[in-house]
């Protein structure tokens, strides 16, 4: 995307609810500084890095693929890093914008939306641009529809990202809980119910988070604690086994050897306590 292209249109009086007044694309290299626009704008950064600065947010870094919203009559600045970025943009206005803001579908304090489905948004921008080129009543109406879909797509992707962040935070708490309880017996069904999910869902999400299913994670934590006890105490092997929640010292020794390639006694000999 090297050649700059821009279209500007005067909205039809009948458009009312939502009207696209401009659209373009370019490989941007220069900064936009201390600018105000009379209308809303959305800028799609397909690839590249840079920053955005507004009075509501201060300066924020930006990495494509992402888009950001600009609000009317608000001073803003933005710029790509060295090498530039590929961008598409659209200007829009109308009464529907009040609903977008009221419903927090677009937010002045959170203008940047990281995109996980870039192809969908690029397609919508492309259709919007083609509709605006058409310069007919139907074309302008269709361009407004595409803009509406861009707003909804960005909001959904932002919501999905927030949900994923919350899931990661939730799973981090669950992992830490199991780590604390690793020396206790694990009833996976009860543990899953405690955290509001099925055993299968817990196992799947836990494995995605840690690389291990819950039982294997628990066993690794037990063996790690056993190694600590072997290296730092003189406790008997059967006592170490009991301290990590395994009542059968022979089972403990077998599992330890399978995992570490040596017996508990051999491990202790390798790491004599100072």
Protein backbone atom coordinates (compact mmCIF):
# COMPACT_ATOMS: atom_id res chain seq x y z
CA UNK A 1 0.00 0.00 0.00
CA UNK A 2 2.11 2.88 -1.30
CA UNK A 3 -0.20 5.28 -3.15
CA UNK A 4 -2.38 7.55 -1.06
CA UNK A 5 -6.06 7.56 -1.99
CA UNK A 6 -8.82 9.69 -0.47
CA UNK A 7 -12.51 10.39 -1.10
CA UNK A 8 -14.61 13.09 0.58
CA UNK A 9 -18.38 13.27 0.35
CA UNK A 10 -21.05 15.67 1.57
CA UNK A 11 -23.64 13.53 3.35
CA UNK A 12 -27.18 13.40 2.07
CA UNK A 13 -29.73 15.15 4.26
CA UNK A 14 -31.74 11.96 4.48
CA UNK A 15 -28.76 9.99 5.84
CA UNK A 16 -29.38 11.37 9.34
CA UNK A 17 -28.50 8.43 11.57
CA UNK A 18 -25.07 7.64 10.18
CA UNK A 19 -23.13 9.06 7.24
CA UNK A 20 -19.62 8.43 5.95
CA UNK A 21 -18.01 11.68 4.83
CA UNK A 22 -14.59 10.43 3.81
CA UNK A 23 -12.47 7.36 3.24
CA UNK A 24 -8.90 6.67 2.25
CA UNK A 25 -5.82 4.55 2.53
CA UNK A 26 -2.08 5.13 2.41
CA UNK A 27 1.33 4.05 3.60
CA UNK A 28 1.80 6.74 6.24
CA UNK A 29 5.23 7.97 7.30
CA UNK A 30 4.51 11.40 8.77
CA UNK A 31 3.08 12.38 12.13
CA UNK A 32 -0.31 14.03 12.56
CA UNK A 33 0.15 16.61 15.31
CA UNK A 34 -2.30 18.67 17.38
CA UNK A 35 -5.17 18.21 14.95
CA UNK A 36 -8.93 18.56 15.45
CA UNK A 37 -11.54 17.02 13.18
CA UNK A 38 -15.14 18.21 12.84
CA UNK A 39 -16.39 14.61 12.74
CA UNK A 40 -15.60 11.18 14.13
CA UNK A 41 -12.84 9.16 12.48
CA UNK A 42 -11.61 5.59 12.59
CA UNK A 43 -8.06 4.71 11.54
CA UNK A 44 -7.11 1.10 10.78
CA UNK A 45 -3.42 0.23 11.10
CA UNK A 46 -2.99 -3.00 9.18
CA UNK A 47 0.71 -3.39 9.94
CA UNK A 48 3.38 -1.29 11.59
CA UNK A 49 3.93 0.39 14.92
CA UNK A 50 3.64 3.88 16.34
CA UNK A 51 1.72 5.89 18.91
CA UNK A 52 -1.49 7.79 19.53
CA UNK A 53 -1.90 10.73 21.90
CA UNK A 54 -5.11 12.40 23.08
CA UNK A 55 -6.00 14.58 26.05
CA UNK A 56 -8.12 11.75 27.49
CA UNK A 57 -5.43 9.07 27.34
CA UNK A 58 -2.01 10.64 27.01
CA UNK A 59 0.45 8.92 24.70
CA UNK A 60 -0.10 5.22 24.03
CA UNK A 61 1.93 2.83 21.92
CA UNK A 62 0.16 1.10 19.06
CA UNK A 63 1.00 -2.06 17.15
CA UNK A 64 -0.92 -3.24 14.11
CA UNK A 65 -3.22 -4.84 13.39
CA UNK A 66 -5.31 -2.39 15.39
CA UNK A 67 -7.68 0.49 14.89
CA UNK A 68 -8.34 3.64 16.87
CA UNK A 69 -11.22 6.07 17.20
CA UNK A 70 -10.89 9.85 16.99
CA UNK A 71 -13.58 12.08 18.45
CA UNK A 72 -14.81 15.36 16.96
CA UNK A 73 -13.30 18.63 18.16
CA UNK A 74 -10.70 16.83 20.28
CA UNK A 75 -7.01 17.55 19.84
CA UNK A 76 -5.08 14.44 18.88
CA UNK A 77 -1.70 13.42 17.49
CA UNK A 78 -0.42 10.15 16.13
CA UNK A 79 2.52 8.85 14.14
CA UNK A 80 4.04 5.65 12.82
CA UNK A 81 7.52 4.61 13.83
CA UNK A 82 10.37 4.70 11.33
CA UNK A 83 9.32 2.68 8.31
CA UNK A 84 5.74 3.88 8.49
CA UNK A 85 2.51 1.91 8.70
CA UNK A 86 -0.24 0.86 6.31
CA UNK A 87 -3.47 2.58 7.23
CA UNK A 88 -7.07 2.91 6.10
CA UNK A 89 -9.39 5.56 7.49
CA UNK A 90 -12.96 6.76 7.43
CA UNK A 91 -14.73 9.93 8.59
CA UNK A 92 -18.30 9.66 9.86
CA UNK A 93 -21.05 11.57 11.63
CA UNK A 94 -24.73 11.36 12.52
CA UNK A 95 -27.05 10.72 15.44
CA UNK A 96 -26.06 7.05 15.72
CA UNK A 97 -22.66 8.15 17.02
CA UNK A 98 -24.34 9.28 20.25
CA UNK A 99 -25.59 5.72 20.73
CA UNK A 100 -22.14 4.30 20.05
CA UNK A 101 -20.70 6.52 22.79
CA UNK A 102 -23.59 6.06 25.22
CA UNK A 103 -23.37 2.27 24.92
CA UNK A 104 -19.57 2.46 25.22
CA UNK A 105 -19.15 0.69 21.90
CA UNK A 106 -16.56 3.35 21.18
CA UNK A 107 -14.89 5.07 24.11
CA UNK A 108 -12.73 8.17 24.24
CA UNK A 109 -10.67 6.78 27.12
CA UNK A 110 -10.09 3.47 25.33
CA UNK A 111 -9.64 4.46 21.68
CA UNK A 112 -7.30 1.65 20.56
CA UNK A 113 -8.69 -1.77 19.67
CA UNK A 114 -6.27 -4.62 19.00
CA UNK A 115 -7.63 -6.77 16.18
CA UNK A 116 -7.60 -10.56 16.04
CA UNK A 117 -9.62 -10.83 12.83
CA UNK A 118 -7.93 -8.31 10.55
CA UNK A 119 -9.26 -9.78 7.29
CA UNK A 120 -12.85 -9.09 8.31
CA UNK A 121 -12.15 -5.43 9.10
CA UNK A 122 -10.06 -4.91 5.94
CA UNK A 123 -12.93 -6.32 3.87
CA UNK A 124 -15.39 -3.91 5.51
CA UNK A 125 -13.11 -0.92 4.90
CA UNK A 126 -12.66 -1.99 1.29
CA UNK A 127 -16.41 -2.26 0.72
CA UNK A 128 -16.98 1.10 2.43
CA UNK A 129 -14.42 2.75 0.14
CA UNK A 130 -15.97 1.18 -2.98
CA UNK A 131 -19.46 2.29 -1.88
CA UNK A 132 -18.26 5.85 -1.39
CA UNK A 133 -16.70 5.82 -4.86
CA UNK A 134 -20.10 4.85 -6.25
CA UNK A 135 -21.43 8.26 -5.11
CA UNK A 136 -25.12 7.34 -5.30
CA UNK A 137 -27.82 7.32 -2.67
CA UNK A 138 -27.50 3.55 -2.45
CA UNK A 139 -23.71 3.77 -2.31
CA UNK A 140 -23.75 6.24 0.57
CA UNK A 141 -26.33 4.17 2.44
CA UNK A 142 -24.21 1.04 1.95
CA UNK A 143 -21.06 2.88 3.10
CA UNK A 144 -22.90 3.84 6.31
CA UNK A 145 -23.85 0.19 6.79
CA UNK A 146 -20.21 -0.87 6.37
CA UNK A 147 -19.14 1.73 8.95
CA UNK A 148 -21.75 0.41 11.35
CA UNK A 149 -20.37 -3.09 10.84
CA UNK A 150 -16.83 -1.86 11.48
CA UNK A 151 -18.00 -0.39 14.79
CA UNK A 152 -19.67 -3.67 15.80
CA UNK A 153 -16.76 -5.85 14.66
CA UNK A 154 -14.25 -3.75 16.62
CA UNK A 155 -16.47 -3.81 19.73
CA UNK A 156 -16.81 -7.58 19.54
CA UNK A 157 -13.08 -8.08 19.11
CA UNK A 158 -12.40 -5.77 22.06
CA UNK A 159 -14.93 -7.69 24.16
CA UNK A 160 -13.43 -11.04 23.17
CA UNK A 161 -9.98 -9.78 24.13
CA UNK A 162 -11.26 -8.60 27.51
CA UNK A 163 -12.90 -11.97 28.08
CA UNK A 164 -9.64 -13.74 27.24
CA UNK A 165 -7.72 -11.49 29.61
CA UNK A 166 -10.22 -12.26 32.37
CA UNK A 167 -10.00 -15.98 31.61
CA UNK A 168 -6.22 -15.81 31.93
CA UNK A 169 -6.52 -13.98 35.25
CA UNK A 170 -9.07 -16.53 36.48
CA UNK A 171 -6.89 -19.44 35.41
CA UNK A 172 -3.85 -17.89 37.10
CA UNK A 173 -5.82 -17.91 40.37
CA UNK A 174 -6.88 -21.53 39.82
CA UNK A 175 -3.31 -22.60 39.06
CA UNK A 176 -2.07 -20.88 42.20
CA UNK A 177 -4.81 -22.54 44.27
CA UNK A 178 -3.81 -25.99 43.03
CA UNK A 179 -0.16 -25.17 43.66
CA UNK A 180 -0.97 -24.33 47.29
CA UNK A 181 -3.00 -27.54 47.68
CA UNK A 182 -0.63 -29.78 45.76
CA UNK A 183 0.24 -31.90 48.82
CA UNK A 184 -3.44 -32.60 49.49
CA UNK A 185 -5.59 -35.21 47.67
CA UNK A 186 -7.16 -33.81 44.50
CA UNK A 187 -10.79 -34.53 43.66
CA UNK A 188 -10.87 -33.06 40.17
CA UNK A 189 -14.68 -33.03 39.92
CA UNK A 190 -15.02 -31.19 43.23
CA UNK A 191 -12.19 -28.81 42.34
CA UNK A 192 -13.84 -28.00 39.01
CA UNK A 193 -17.23 -27.43 40.65
CA UNK A 194 -15.59 -25.13 43.18
CA UNK A 195 -14.46 -22.95 40.25
CA UNK A 196 -17.75 -23.07 38.36
CA UNK A 197 -16.86 -25.35 35.46
CA UNK A 198 -16.97 -28.97 34.38
CA UNK A 199 -13.95 -31.25 34.90
CA UNK A 200 -13.40 -31.39 31.12
CA UNK A 201 -13.43 -27.59 30.81
CA UNK A 202 -11.10 -27.20 33.78
CA UNK A 203 -8.70 -29.79 32.35
CA UNK A 204 -8.70 -28.11 28.93
CA UNK A 205 -8.20 -24.58 30.21
CA UNK A 206 -5.65 -25.66 32.83
CA UNK A 207 -3.61 -27.47 30.19
CA UNK A 208 -3.70 -24.42 27.91
CA UNK A 209 -2.47 -22.25 30.77
CA UNK A 210 0.31 -24.49 32.15
CA UNK A 211 1.05 -27.11 29.48
CA UNK A 212 0.04 -29.85 31.94
CA UNK A 213 -3.32 -31.31 33.02
CA UNK A 214 -4.16 -30.74 36.71
CA UNK A 215 -3.07 -34.18 37.97
CA UNK A 216 0.29 -33.98 36.17
CA UNK A 217 0.78 -30.42 37.45
CA UNK A 218 0.07 -31.60 41.00
CA UNK A 219 2.52 -34.49 40.66
CA UNK A 220 5.25 -32.17 39.36
CA UNK A 221 4.69 -29.82 42.31
CA UNK A 222 4.91 -32.78 44.69
CA UNK A 223 8.14 -34.05 43.15
CA UNK A 224 9.67 -30.56 43.23
CA UNK A 225 8.85 -30.32 46.93
CA UNK A 226 10.24 -33.81 47.50
CA UNK A 227 13.54 -32.77 45.90
CA UNK A 228 13.67 -29.74 48.19
CA UNK A 229 13.11 -31.95 51.25
CA UNK A 230 15.68 -34.50 50.13
CA UNK A 231 18.31 -31.83 49.56
CA UNK A 232 17.68 -29.76 52.68
CA UNK A 233 16.59 -32.23 55.40
CA UNK A 234 17.55 -35.61 56.82
CA UNK A 235 13.98 -36.93 56.78
CA UNK A 236 13.58 -40.58 55.88
CA UNK A 237 12.39 -41.46 52.39
CA UNK A 238 9.04 -42.73 53.67
CA UNK A 239 8.61 -39.51 55.67
CA UNK A 240 9.33 -37.39 52.60
CA UNK A 241 6.77 -39.43 50.66
CA UNK A 242 4.13 -38.81 53.35
CA UNK A 243 4.98 -35.11 53.51
CA UNK A 244 4.16 -34.70 49.81
CA UNK A 245 0.90 -36.61 50.15
CA UNK A 246 2.01 -40.10 49.02
CA UNK A 247 1.48 -42.79 51.66
CA UNK A 248 3.25 -45.52 49.67
CA UNK A 249 7.04 -44.94 49.73
CA UNK A 250 7.59 -47.61 47.06
CA UNK A 251 5.21 -45.81 44.68
CA UNK A 252 6.96 -42.54 45.52
CA UNK A 253 10.38 -44.03 44.74
CA UNK A 254 9.17 -45.51 41.45
CA UNK A 255 7.58 -42.26 40.27
CA UNK A 256 10.59 -40.25 41.41
CA UNK A 257 12.95 -42.53 39.44
CA UNK A 258 10.75 -42.32 36.33
CA UNK A 259 10.79 -38.52 36.45
CA UNK A 260 14.32 -37.79 37.65
CA UNK A 261 16.29 -40.76 36.33
CA UNK A 262 17.54 -41.65 39.79
CA UNK A 263 16.20 -42.86 43.10
CA UNK A 264 15.43 -40.47 45.98
CA UNK A 265 18.54 -41.74 47.81
CA UNK A 266 20.72 -41.15 44.75
CA UNK A 267 19.28 -37.64 44.36
CA UNK A 268 20.10 -36.88 48.01
CA UNK A 269 23.64 -38.11 47.48
CA UNK A 270 24.05 -35.76 44.50
CA UNK A 271 22.95 -32.76 46.52
CA UNK A 272 24.31 -33.22 50.04
CA UNK A 273 22.92 -30.79 52.57
CA UNK A 274 25.35 -28.08 53.63
